[in-house]
Amino acid sequence: MVTCGTYEKAHFLRDAPRLDRFRSLLFAGLAEAGWELHAWAILSNHYHFMASSPSDPGSLRRTLSKLHTLSARELNMQDHQTGRKVWFQYFDKHITFTNSYLPRLK
């Protein structure tokens, strides 16, 4: 499970086109890295997803770095804000028990 927020909780993903574009980048990045997506939620200032890792779970860091770089460039270009910080931090949690997985999936 991964959760990430925007810098200073700013609502950078504030409309449907931005949400859709970010979703496309997220899905493409995870698929490219071999992650199997189970569930996701994308809101205007943060996102969550649950996925199964490929044989190299270390690819998560590279995948999220690429996602954040690409999406920040696009959002900053749209807002004419070159170099603005968009993403803050992410945290990931390896869920190993069904009793932990199902409530988060819900």
PDB file of N, CA and C in Angstrom:
ATOM      1  N   MET A   1       0.855  -1.170   0.000  1.00  0.00           N
ATOM      2  CA  MET A   1       0.000   0.000   0.000  1.00  0.00           C
ATOM      3  C   MET A   1       0.898   1.228   0.000  1.00  0.00           C
ATOM      4  N   VAL A   2       0.560   2.192  -0.842  1.00  0.00           N
ATOM      5  CA  VAL A   2       1.328   3.429  -0.960  1.00  0.00           C
ATOM      6  C   VAL A   2       0.386   4.603  -0.771  1.00  0.00           C
ATOM      7  N   THR A   3       0.862   5.596  -0.034  1.00  0.00           N
ATOM      8  CA  THR A   3       0.149   6.862   0.147  1.00  0.00           C
ATOM      9  C   THR A   3       1.132   7.985  -0.122  1.00  0.00           C
ATOM     10  N   CYS A   4       0.689   8.996  -0.833  1.00  0.00           N
ATOM     11  CA  CYS A   4       1.543  10.146  -1.104  1.00  0.00           C
ATOM     12  C   CYS A   4       0.692  11.408  -1.132  1.00  0.00           C
ATOM     13  N   GLY A   5       1.256  12.494  -0.633  1.00  0.00           N
ATOM     14  CA  GLY A   5       0.565  13.768  -0.621  1.00  0.00           C
ATOM     15  C   GLY A   5       1.311  14.833  -1.396  1.00  0.00           C
ATOM     16  N   THR A   6       0.605  15.870  -1.744  1.00  0.00           N
ATOM     17  CA  THR A   6       1.222  16.993  -2.424  1.00  0.00           C
ATOM     18  C   THR A   6       1.931  17.888  -1.407  1.00  0.00           C
ATOM     19  N   TYR A   7       2.821  18.694  -1.895  1.00  0.00           N
ATOM     20  CA  TYR A   7       3.568  19.614  -1.053  1.00  0.00           C
ATOM     21  C   TYR A   7       2.610  20.641  -0.445  1.00  0.00           C
ATOM     22  N   GLU A   8       2.695  20.788   0.857  1.00  0.00           N
ATOM     23  CA  GLU A   8       1.838  21.699   1.625  1.00  0.00           C
ATOM     24  C   GLU A   8       0.346  21.436   1.393  1.00  0.00           C
ATOM     25  N   LYS A   9       0.017  20.197   1.033  1.00  0.00           N
ATOM     26  CA  LYS A   9      -1.364  19.763   0.818  1.00  0.00           C
ATOM     27  C   LYS A   9      -2.114  20.603  -0.217  1.00  0.00           C
ATOM     28  N   ALA A  10      -1.360  21.147  -1.158  1.00  0.00           N
ATOM     29  CA  ALA A  10      -1.963  21.964  -2.217  1.00  0.00           C
ATOM     30  C   ALA A  10      -2.808  21.082  -3.137  1.00  0.00           C
ATOM     31  N   HIS A  11      -3.868  21.623  -3.667  1.00  0.00           N
ATOM     32  CA  HIS A  11      -4.815  20.883  -4.509  1.00  0.00           C
ATOM     33  C   HIS A  11      -4.418  21.004  -5.981  1.00  0.00           C
ATOM     34  N   PHE A  12      -3.293  20.391  -6.327  1.00  0.00           N
ATOM     35  CA  PHE A  12      -2.793  20.451  -7.699  1.00  0.00           C
ATOM     36  C   PHE A  12      -3.641  19.630  -8.667  1.00  0.00           C
ATOM     37  N   LEU A  13      -4.271  18.584  -8.185  1.00  0.00           N
ATOM     38  CA  LEU A  13      -5.103  17.725  -9.042  1.00  0.00           C
ATOM     39  C   LEU A  13      -6.566  18.128  -8.867  1.00  0.00           C
ATOM     40  N   ARG A  14      -6.851  19.385  -9.140  1.00  0.00           N
ATOM     41  CA  ARG A  14      -8.122  19.992  -8.759  1.00  0.00           C
ATOM     42  C   ARG A  14      -9.261  19.851  -9.764  1.00  0.00           C
ATOM     43  N   ASP A  15      -9.005  19.254 -10.909  1.00  0.00           N
ATOM     44  CA  ASP A  15     -10.112  19.084 -11.853  1.00  0.00           C
ATOM     45  C   ASP A  15      -9.984  17.745 -12.574  1.00  0.00           C
ATOM     46  N   ALA A  16     -11.030  17.382 -13.274  1.00  0.00           N
ATOM     47  CA  ALA A  16     -11.096  16.061 -13.913  1.00  0.00           C
ATOM     48  C   ALA A  16      -9.961  15.805 -14.900  1.00  0.00           C
ATOM     49  N   PRO A  17      -9.602  16.750 -15.767  1.00  0.00           N
ATOM     50  CA  PRO A  17      -8.495  16.469 -16.697  1.00  0.00           C
ATOM     51  C   PRO A  17      -7.173  16.178 -15.976  1.00  0.00           C
ATOM     52  N   ARG A  18      -6.901  16.886 -14.902  1.00  0.00           N
ATOM     53  CA  ARG A  18      -5.655  16.650 -14.156  1.00  0.00           C
ATOM     54  C   ARG A  18      -5.700  15.302 -13.447  1.00  0.00           C
ATOM     55  N   LEU A  19      -6.827  14.982 -12.856  1.00  0.00           N
ATOM     56  CA  LEU A  19      -6.986  13.685 -12.202  1.00  0.00           C
ATOM     57  C   LEU A  19      -6.832  12.546 -13.213  1.00  0.00           C
ATOM     58  N   ASP A  20      -7.459  12.699 -14.374  1.00  0.00           N
ATOM     59  CA  ASP A  20      -7.379  11.669 -15.412  1.00  0.00           C
ATOM     60  C   ASP A  20      -5.951  11.495 -15.916  1.00  0.00           C
ATOM     61  N   ARG A  21      -5.256  12.596 -16.119  1.00  0.00           N
ATOM     62  CA  ARG A  21      -3.877  12.510 -16.608  1.00  0.00           C
ATOM     63  C   ARG A  21      -2.976  11.853 -15.566  1.00  0.00           C
ATOM     64  N   PHE A  22      -3.147  12.220 -14.302  1.00  0.00           N
ATOM     65  CA  PHE A  22      -2.340  11.608 -13.258  1.00  0.00           C
ATOM     66  C   PHE A  22      -2.637  10.116 -13.169  1.00  0.00           C
ATOM     67  N   ARG A  23      -3.903   9.749 -13.264  1.00  0.00           N
ATOM     68  CA  ARG A  23      -4.286   8.333 -13.247  1.00  0.00           C
ATOM     69  C   ARG A  23      -3.619   7.586 -14.389  1.00  0.00           C
ATOM     70  N   SER A  24      -3.601   8.169 -15.564  1.00  0.00           N
ATOM     71  CA  SER A  24      -2.949   7.536 -16.715  1.00  0.00           C
ATOM     72  C   SER A  24      -1.459   7.334 -16.467  1.00  0.00           C
ATOM     73  N   LEU A  25      -0.810   8.344 -15.917  1.00  0.00           N
ATOM     74  CA  LEU A  25       0.620   8.223 -15.608  1.00  0.00           C
ATOM     75  C   LEU A  25       0.869   7.154 -14.549  1.00  0.00           C
ATOM     76  N   LEU A  26       0.024   7.116 -13.527  1.00  0.00           N
ATOM     77  CA  LEU A  26       0.156   6.124 -12.463  1.00  0.00           C
ATOM     78  C   LEU A  26      -0.007   4.712 -13.028  1.00  0.00           C
ATOM     79  N   PHE A  27      -1.071   4.486 -13.768  1.00  0.00           N
ATOM     80  CA  PHE A  27      -1.334   3.157 -14.322  1.00  0.00           C
ATOM     81  C   PHE A  27      -0.203   2.720 -15.254  1.00  0.00           C
ATOM     82  N   ALA A  28       0.233   3.615 -16.116  1.00  0.00           N
ATOM     83  CA  ALA A  28       1.297   3.274 -17.072  1.00  0.00           C
ATOM     84  C   ALA A  28       2.603   2.965 -16.347  1.00  0.00           C
ATOM     85  N   GLY A  29       2.938   3.762 -15.360  1.00  0.00           N
ATOM     86  CA  GLY A  29       4.178   3.547 -14.618  1.00  0.00           C
ATOM     87  C   GLY A  29       4.183   2.229 -13.865  1.00  0.00           C
ATOM     88  N   LEU A  30       3.087   1.922 -13.207  1.00  0.00           N
ATOM     89  CA  LEU A  30       3.005   0.663 -12.468  1.00  0.00           C
ATOM     90  C   LEU A  30       3.049  -0.533 -13.418  1.00  0.00           C
ATOM     91  N   ALA A  31       2.337  -0.443 -14.528  1.00  0.00           N
ATOM     92  CA  ALA A  31       2.337  -1.541 -15.507  1.00  0.00           C
ATOM     93  C   ALA A  31       3.738  -1.739 -16.080  1.00  0.00           C
ATOM     94  N   GLU A  32       4.405  -0.656 -16.411  1.00  0.00           N
ATOM     95  CA  GLU A  32       5.757  -0.737 -16.974  1.00  0.00           C
ATOM     96  C   GLU A  32       6.729  -1.419 -16.006  1.00  0.00           C
ATOM     97  N   ALA A  33       6.551  -1.170 -14.727  1.00  0.00           N
ATOM     98  CA  ALA A  33       7.441  -1.745 -13.714  1.00  0.00           C
ATOM     99  C   ALA A  33       6.993  -3.130 -13.249  1.00  0.00           C
ATOM    100  N   GLY A  34       5.849  -3.603 -13.734  1.00  0.00           N
ATOM    101  CA  GLY A  34       5.382  -4.938 -13.392  1.00  0.00           C
ATOM    102  C   GLY A  34       4.588  -5.030 -12.106  1.00  0.00           C
ATOM    103  N   TRP A  35       4.090  -3.907 -11.622  1.00  0.00           N
ATOM    104  CA  TRP A  35       3.251  -3.923 -10.422  1.00  0.00           C
ATOM    105  C   TRP A  35       1.822  -4.245 -10.820  1.00  0.00           C
ATOM    106  N   GLU A  36       1.156  -5.078 -10.037  1.00  0.00           N
ATOM    107  CA  GLU A  36      -0.236  -5.446 -10.301  1.00  0.00           C
ATOM    108  C   GLU A  36      -1.141  -4.622  -9.393  1.00  0.00           C
ATOM    109  N   LEU A  37      -1.840  -3.675  -9.977  1.00  0.00           N
ATOM    110  CA  LEU A  37      -2.691  -2.753  -9.235  1.00  0.00           C
ATOM    111  C   LEU A  37      -3.962  -3.443  -8.762  1.00  0.00           C
ATOM    112  N   HIS A  38      -4.295  -3.271  -7.482  1.00  0.00           N
ATOM    113  CA  HIS A  38      -5.516  -3.856  -6.909  1.00  0.00           C
ATOM    114  C   HIS A  38      -6.587  -2.798  -6.663  1.00  0.00           C
ATOM    115  N   ALA A  39      -6.181  -1.640  -6.168  1.00  0.00           N
ATOM    116  CA  ALA A  39      -7.142  -0.572  -5.851  1.00  0.00           C
ATOM    117  C   ALA A  39      -6.398   0.745  -5.828  1.00  0.00           C
ATOM    118  N   TRP A  40      -7.127   1.829  -6.030  1.00  0.00           N
ATOM    119  CA  TRP A  40      -6.511   3.151  -5.991  1.00  0.00           C
ATOM    120  C   TRP A  40      -7.558   4.184  -5.630  1.00  0.00           C
ATOM    121  N   ALA A  41      -7.074   5.308  -5.130  1.00  0.00           N
ATOM    122  CA  ALA A  41      -7.909   6.489  -4.888  1.00  0.00           C
ATOM    123  C   ALA A  41      -7.011   7.688  -5.161  1.00  0.00           C
ATOM    124  N   ILE A  42      -7.475   8.558  -6.029  1.00  0.00           N
ATOM    125  CA  ILE A  42      -6.724   9.765  -6.358  1.00  0.00           C
ATOM    126  C   ILE A  42      -7.614  10.955  -6.025  1.00  0.00           C
ATOM    127  N   LEU A  43      -7.132  11.791  -5.128  1.00  0.00           N
ATOM    128  CA  LEU A  43      -7.866  12.985  -4.712  1.00  0.00           C
ATOM    129  C   LEU A  43      -7.068  14.219  -5.122  1.00  0.00           C
ATOM    130  N   SER A  44      -7.580  15.377  -4.860  1.00  0.00           N
ATOM    131  CA  SER A  44      -6.944  16.595  -5.363  1.00  0.00           C
ATOM    132  C   SER A  44      -5.581  16.890  -4.741  1.00  0.00           C
ATOM    133  N   ASN A  45      -5.319  16.341  -3.554  1.00  0.00           N
ATOM    134  CA  ASN A  45      -4.029  16.638  -2.910  1.00  0.00           C
ATOM    135  C   ASN A  45      -3.293  15.400  -2.385  1.00  0.00           C
ATOM    136  N   HIS A  46      -3.745  14.231  -2.722  1.00  0.00           N
ATOM    137  CA  HIS A  46      -3.027  13.012  -2.350  1.00  0.00           C
ATOM    138  C   HIS A  46      -3.607  11.819  -3.097  1.00  0.00           C
ATOM    139  N   TYR A  47      -2.873  10.718  -3.005  1.00  0.00           N
ATOM    140  CA  TYR A  47      -3.364   9.492  -3.622  1.00  0.00           C
ATOM    141  C   TYR A  47      -2.937   8.287  -2.791  1.00  0.00           C
ATOM    142  N   HIS A  48      -3.628   7.183  -3.020  1.00  0.00           N
ATOM    143  CA  HIS A  48      -3.332   5.899  -2.383  1.00  0.00           C
ATOM    144  C   HIS A  48      -3.449   4.832  -3.463  1.00  0.00           C
ATOM    145  N   PHE A  49      -2.683   3.779  -3.330  1.00  0.00           N
ATOM    146  CA  PHE A  49      -2.923   2.604  -4.149  1.00  0.00           C
ATOM    147  C   PHE A  49      -2.413   1.363  -3.441  1.00  0.00           C
ATOM    148  N   MET A  50      -3.009   0.252  -3.828  1.00  0.00           N
ATOM    149  CA  MET A  50      -2.581  -1.060  -3.332  1.00  0.00           C
ATOM    150  C   MET A  50      -2.206  -1.873  -4.558  1.00  0.00           C
ATOM    151  N   ALA A  51      -1.048  -2.521  -4.478  1.00  0.00           N
ATOM    152  CA  ALA A  51      -0.573  -3.306  -5.610  1.00  0.00           C
ATOM    153  C   ALA A  51       0.321  -4.428  -5.121  1.00  0.00           C
ATOM    154  N   SER A  52       0.430  -5.450  -5.940  1.00  0.00           N
ATOM    155  CA  SER A  52       1.365  -6.545  -5.680  1.00  0.00           C
ATOM    156  C   SER A  52       2.669  -6.226  -6.398  1.00  0.00           C
ATOM    157  N   SER A  53       3.762  -6.484  -5.720  1.00  0.00           N
ATOM    158  CA  SER A  53       5.064  -6.146  -6.292  1.00  0.00           C
ATOM    159  C   SER A  53       5.531  -7.198  -7.288  1.00  0.00           C
ATOM    160  N   PRO A  54       6.372  -6.759  -8.219  1.00  0.00           N
ATOM    161  CA  PRO A  54       7.021  -7.718  -9.120  1.00  0.00           C
ATOM    162  C   PRO A  54       8.173  -8.390  -8.368  1.00  0.00           C
ATOM    163  N   SER A  55       8.987  -9.137  -9.088  1.00  0.00           N
ATOM    164  CA  SER A  55      10.116  -9.816  -8.436  1.00  0.00           C
ATOM    165  C   SER A  55      11.113  -8.825  -7.840  1.00  0.00           C
ATOM    166  N   ASP A  56      11.120  -7.588  -8.345  1.00  0.00           N
ATOM    167  CA  ASP A  56      11.991  -6.550  -7.806  1.00  0.00           C
ATOM    168  C   ASP A  56      11.145  -5.471  -7.137  1.00  0.00           C
ATOM    169  N   PRO A  57      10.799  -5.645  -5.860  1.00  0.00           N
ATOM    170  CA  PRO A  57       9.987  -4.630  -5.193  1.00  0.00           C
ATOM    171  C   PRO A  57      10.706  -3.296  -5.054  1.00  0.00           C
ATOM    172  N   GLY A  58      12.017  -3.297  -5.237  1.00  0.00           N
ATOM    173  CA  GLY A  58      12.778  -2.052  -5.203  1.00  0.00           C
ATOM    174  C   GLY A  58      12.429  -1.114  -6.345  1.00  0.00           C
ATOM    175  N   SER A  59      11.721  -1.630  -7.334  1.00  0.00           N
ATOM    176  CA  SER A  59      11.316  -0.783  -8.459  1.00  0.00           C
ATOM    177  C   SER A  59      10.288   0.267  -8.044  1.00  0.00           C
ATOM    178  N   LEU A  60       9.692   0.111  -6.872  1.00  0.00           N
ATOM    179  CA  LEU A  60       8.688   1.076  -6.420  1.00  0.00           C
ATOM    180  C   LEU A  60       9.278   2.481  -6.346  1.00  0.00           C
ATOM    181  N   ARG A  61      10.424   2.605  -5.748  1.00  0.00           N
ATOM    182  CA  ARG A  61      11.054   3.921  -5.593  1.00  0.00           C
ATOM    183  C   ARG A  61      11.307   4.574  -6.955  1.00  0.00           C
ATOM    184  N   ARG A  62      11.842   3.809  -7.890  1.00  0.00           N
ATOM    185  CA  ARG A  62      12.109   4.340  -9.232  1.00  0.00           C
ATOM    186  C   ARG A  62      10.804   4.710  -9.945  1.00  0.00           C
ATOM    187  N   THR A  63       9.796   3.861  -9.785  1.00  0.00           N
ATOM    188  CA  THR A  63       8.509   4.091 -10.437  1.00  0.00           C
ATOM    189  C   THR A  63       7.852   5.364  -9.916  1.00  0.00           C
ATOM    190  N   LEU A  64       7.850   5.542  -8.597  1.00  0.00           N
ATOM    191  CA  LEU A  64       7.228   6.740  -8.020  1.00  0.00           C
ATOM    192  C   LEU A  64       8.041   7.985  -8.334  1.00  0.00           C
ATOM    193  N   SER A  65       9.345   7.858  -8.378  1.00  0.00           N
ATOM    194  CA  SER A  65      10.182   8.998  -8.743  1.00  0.00           C
ATOM    195  C   SER A  65       9.851   9.472 -10.155  1.00  0.00           C
ATOM    196  N   LYS A  66       9.723   8.532 -11.071  1.00  0.00           N
ATOM    197  CA  LYS A  66       9.366   8.871 -12.452  1.00  0.00           C
ATOM    198  C   LYS A  66       7.972   9.473 -12.526  1.00  0.00           C
ATOM    199  N   LEU A  67       7.012   8.867 -11.822  1.00  0.00           N
ATOM    200  CA  LEU A  67       5.640   9.380 -11.784  1.00  0.00           C
ATOM    201  C   LEU A  67       5.610  10.809 -11.271  1.00  0.00           C
ATOM    202  N   HIS A  68       6.287  11.052 -10.179  1.00  0.00           N
ATOM    203  CA  HIS A  68       6.277  12.382  -9.572  1.00  0.00           C
ATOM    204  C   HIS A  68       6.988  13.403 -10.445  1.00  0.00           C
ATOM    205  N   THR A  69       8.066  13.004 -11.082  1.00  0.00           N
ATOM    206  CA  THR A  69       8.780  13.922 -11.980  1.00  0.00           C
ATOM    207  C   THR A  69       7.911  14.300 -13.171  1.00  0.00           C
ATOM    208  N   LEU A  70       7.353  13.296 -13.840  1.00  0.00           N
ATOM    209  CA  LEU A  70       6.529  13.569 -15.022  1.00  0.00           C
ATOM    210  C   LEU A  70       5.293  14.393 -14.677  1.00  0.00           C
ATOM    211  N   SER A  71       4.603  14.004 -13.616  1.00  0.00           N
ATOM    212  CA  SER A  71       3.368  14.721 -13.267  1.00  0.00           C
ATOM    213  C   SER A  71       3.671  16.135 -12.793  1.00  0.00           C
ATOM    214  N   ALA A  72       4.739  16.325 -12.038  1.00  0.00           N
ATOM    215  CA  ALA A  72       5.089  17.675 -11.576  1.00  0.00           C
ATOM    216  C   ALA A  72       5.429  18.577 -12.752  1.00  0.00           C
ATOM    217  N   ARG A  73       6.172  18.056 -13.717  1.00  0.00           N
ATOM    218  CA  ARG A  73       6.507  18.861 -14.907  1.00  0.00           C
ATOM    219  C   ARG A  73       5.242  19.296 -15.642  1.00  0.00           C
ATOM    220  N   GLU A  74       4.323  18.352 -15.823  1.00  0.00           N
ATOM    221  CA  GLU A  74       3.090  18.682 -16.539  1.00  0.00           C
ATOM    222  C   GLU A  74       2.240  19.696 -15.771  1.00  0.00           C
ATOM    223  N   LEU A  75       2.083  19.469 -14.467  1.00  0.00           N
ATOM    224  CA  LEU A  75       1.276  20.397 -13.664  1.00  0.00           C
ATOM    225  C   LEU A  75       1.907  21.783 -13.618  1.00  0.00           C
ATOM    226  N   ASN A  76       3.211  21.824 -13.484  1.00  0.00           N
ATOM    227  CA  ASN A  76       3.894  23.117 -13.438  1.00  0.00           C
ATOM    228  C   ASN A  76       3.815  23.831 -14.779  1.00  0.00           C
ATOM    229  N   MET A  77       3.870  23.090 -15.870  1.00  0.00           N
ATOM    230  CA  MET A  77       3.741  23.692 -17.188  1.00  0.00           C
ATOM    231  C   MET A  77       2.330  24.280 -17.347  1.00  0.00           C
ATOM    232  N   GLN A  78       1.327  23.539 -16.920  1.00  0.00           N
ATOM    233  CA  GLN A  78      -0.053  24.022 -17.029  1.00  0.00           C
ATOM    234  C   GLN A  78      -0.273  25.297 -16.211  1.00  0.00           C
ATOM    235  N   ASP A  79       0.387  25.376 -15.061  1.00  0.00           N
ATOM    236  CA  ASP A  79       0.205  26.520 -14.165  1.00  0.00           C
ATOM    237  C   ASP A  79       1.269  27.606 -14.345  1.00  0.00           C
ATOM    238  N   HIS A  80       2.155  27.412 -15.325  1.00  0.00           N
ATOM    239  CA  HIS A  80       3.243  28.373 -15.559  1.00  0.00           C
ATOM    240  C   HIS A  80       4.063  28.604 -14.284  1.00  0.00           C
ATOM    241  N   GLN A  81       4.428  27.508 -13.618  1.00  0.00           N
ATOM    242  CA  GLN A  81       5.161  27.554 -12.346  1.00  0.00           C
ATOM    243  C   GLN A  81       6.406  26.668 -12.437  1.00  0.00           C
ATOM    244  N   THR A  82       7.349  27.030 -13.264  1.00  0.00           N
ATOM    245  CA  THR A  82       8.550  26.228 -13.460  1.00  0.00           C
ATOM    246  C   THR A  82       9.283  25.997 -12.140  1.00  0.00           C
ATOM    247  N   GLY A  83       9.612  24.736 -11.883  1.00  0.00           N
ATOM    248  CA  GLY A  83      10.410  24.394 -10.716  1.00  0.00           C
ATOM    249  C   GLY A  83       9.666  24.292  -9.399  1.00  0.00           C
ATOM    250  N   ARG A  84       8.385  24.499  -9.398  1.00  0.00           N
ATOM    251  CA  ARG A  84       7.607  24.421  -8.157  1.00  0.00           C
ATOM    252  C   ARG A  84       7.591  22.988  -7.632  1.00  0.00           C
ATOM    253  N   LYS A  85       7.710  22.838  -6.333  1.00  0.00           N
ATOM    254  CA  LYS A  85       7.641  21.520  -5.709  1.00  0.00           C
ATOM    255  C   LYS A  85       6.181  21.083  -5.654  1.00  0.00           C
ATOM    256  N   VAL A  86       5.889  19.886  -6.154  1.00  0.00           N
ATOM    257  CA  VAL A  86       4.515  19.390  -6.219  1.00  0.00           C
ATOM    258  C   VAL A  86       4.275  18.280  -5.207  1.00  0.00           C
ATOM    259  N   TRP A  87       5.173  17.312  -5.149  1.00  0.00           N
ATOM    260  CA  TRP A  87       4.969  16.152  -4.287  1.00  0.00           C
ATOM    261  C   TRP A  87       5.807  16.267  -3.028  1.00  0.00           C
ATOM    262  N   PHE A  88       5.273  15.758  -1.927  1.00  0.00           N
ATOM    263  CA  PHE A  88       5.973  15.854  -0.652  1.00  0.00           C
ATOM    264  C   PHE A  88       6.661  14.552  -0.308  1.00  0.00           C
ATOM    265  N   GLN A  89       5.965  13.630   0.271  1.00  0.00           N
ATOM    266  CA  GLN A  89       6.549  12.360   0.678  1.00  0.00           C
ATOM    267  C   GLN A  89       5.573  11.248   0.360  1.00  0.00           C
ATOM    268  N   TYR A  90       6.117  10.063   0.237  1.00  0.00           N
ATOM    269  CA  TYR A  90       5.234   8.905   0.147  1.00  0.00           C
ATOM    270  C   TYR A  90       5.654   7.930   1.221  1.00  0.00           C
ATOM    271  N   PHE A  91       4.734   7.089   1.611  1.00  0.00           N
ATOM    272  CA  PHE A  91       5.114   5.981   2.475  1.00  0.00           C
ATOM    273  C   PHE A  91       4.455   4.725   1.940  1.00  0.00           C
ATOM    274  N   ASP A  92       5.165   3.636   2.111  1.00  0.00           N
ATOM    275  CA  ASP A  92       4.632   2.367   1.648  1.00  0.00           C
ATOM    276  C   ASP A  92       4.600   1.396   2.811  1.00  0.00           C
ATOM    277  N   LYS A  93       3.665   0.501   2.743  1.00  0.00           N
ATOM    278  CA  LYS A  93       3.458  -0.481   3.801  1.00  0.00           C
ATOM    279  C   LYS A  93       3.262  -1.839   3.149  1.00  0.00           C
ATOM    280  N   HIS A  94       4.080  -2.798   3.538  1.00  0.00           N
ATOM    281  CA  HIS A  94       3.931  -4.160   3.045  1.00  0.00           C
ATOM    282  C   HIS A  94       2.871  -4.848   3.892  1.00  0.00           C
ATOM    283  N   ILE A  95       1.764  -5.172   3.295  1.00  0.00           N
ATOM    284  CA  ILE A  95       0.643  -5.791   4.013  1.00  0.00           C
ATOM    285  C   ILE A  95       0.717  -7.297   3.798  1.00  0.00           C
ATOM    286  N   THR A  96       0.779  -8.022   4.887  1.00  0.00           N
ATOM    287  CA  THR A  96       0.979  -9.469   4.794  1.00  0.00           C
ATOM    288  C   THR A  96      -0.201 -10.289   5.293  1.00  0.00           C
ATOM    289  N   PHE A  97      -1.145  -9.680   5.970  1.00  0.00           N
ATOM    290  CA  PHE A  97      -2.266 -10.425   6.542  1.00  0.00           C
ATOM    291  C   PHE A  97      -3.579  -9.996   5.906  1.00  0.00           C
ATOM    292  N   THR A  98      -4.445 -10.943   5.648  1.00  0.00           N
ATOM    293  CA  THR A  98      -5.763 -10.660   5.072  1.00  0.00           C
ATOM    294  C   THR A  98      -6.530  -9.668   5.936  1.00  0.00           C
ATOM    295  N   ASN A  99      -6.418  -9.821   7.250  1.00  0.00           N
ATOM    296  CA  ASN A  99      -7.138  -8.914   8.170  1.00  0.00           C
ATOM    297  C   ASN A  99      -6.644  -7.476   8.052  1.00  0.00           C
ATOM    298  N   SER A 100      -5.459  -7.268   7.560  1.00  0.00           N
ATOM    299  CA  SER A 100      -4.953  -5.911   7.311  1.00  0.00           C
ATOM    300  C   SER A 100      -5.300  -5.445   5.904  1.00  0.00           C
ATOM    301  N   TYR A 101      -5.285  -6.381   4.977  1.00  0.00           N
ATOM    302  CA  TYR A 101      -5.507  -6.055   3.567  1.00  0.00           C
ATOM    303  C   TYR A 101      -6.950  -5.625   3.292  1.00  0.00           C
ATOM    304  N   LEU A 102      -7.905  -6.408   3.751  1.00  0.00           N
ATOM    305  CA  LEU A 102      -9.301  -6.152   3.397  1.00  0.00           C
ATOM    306  C   LEU A 102      -9.829  -4.804   3.884  1.00  0.00           C
ATOM    307  N   PRO A 103      -9.564  -4.365   5.105  1.00  0.00           N
ATOM    308  CA  PRO A 103     -10.049  -3.042   5.497  1.00  0.00           C
ATOM    309  C   PRO A 103      -9.432  -1.913   4.661  1.00  0.00           C
ATOM    310  N   ARG A 104      -8.183  -2.054   4.302  1.00  0.00           N
ATOM    311  CA  ARG A 104      -7.548  -1.024   3.471  1.00  0.00           C
ATOM    312  C   ARG A 104      -8.106  -1.041   2.060  1.00  0.00           C
ATOM    313  N   LEU A 105      -8.405  -2.227   1.566  1.00  0.00           N
ATOM    314  CA  LEU A 105      -8.984  -2.354   0.236  1.00  0.00           C
ATOM    315  C   LEU A 105     -10.359  -1.702   0.178  1.00  0.00           C
ATOM    316  N   LYS A 106     -11.114  -1.844   1.246  1.00  0.00           N
ATOM    317  CA  LYS A 106     -12.454  -1.266   1.318  1.00  0.00           C
ATOM    318  C   LYS A 106     -12.377   0.237   1.256  1.00  0.00           C
TER     319      LYS A 106
END
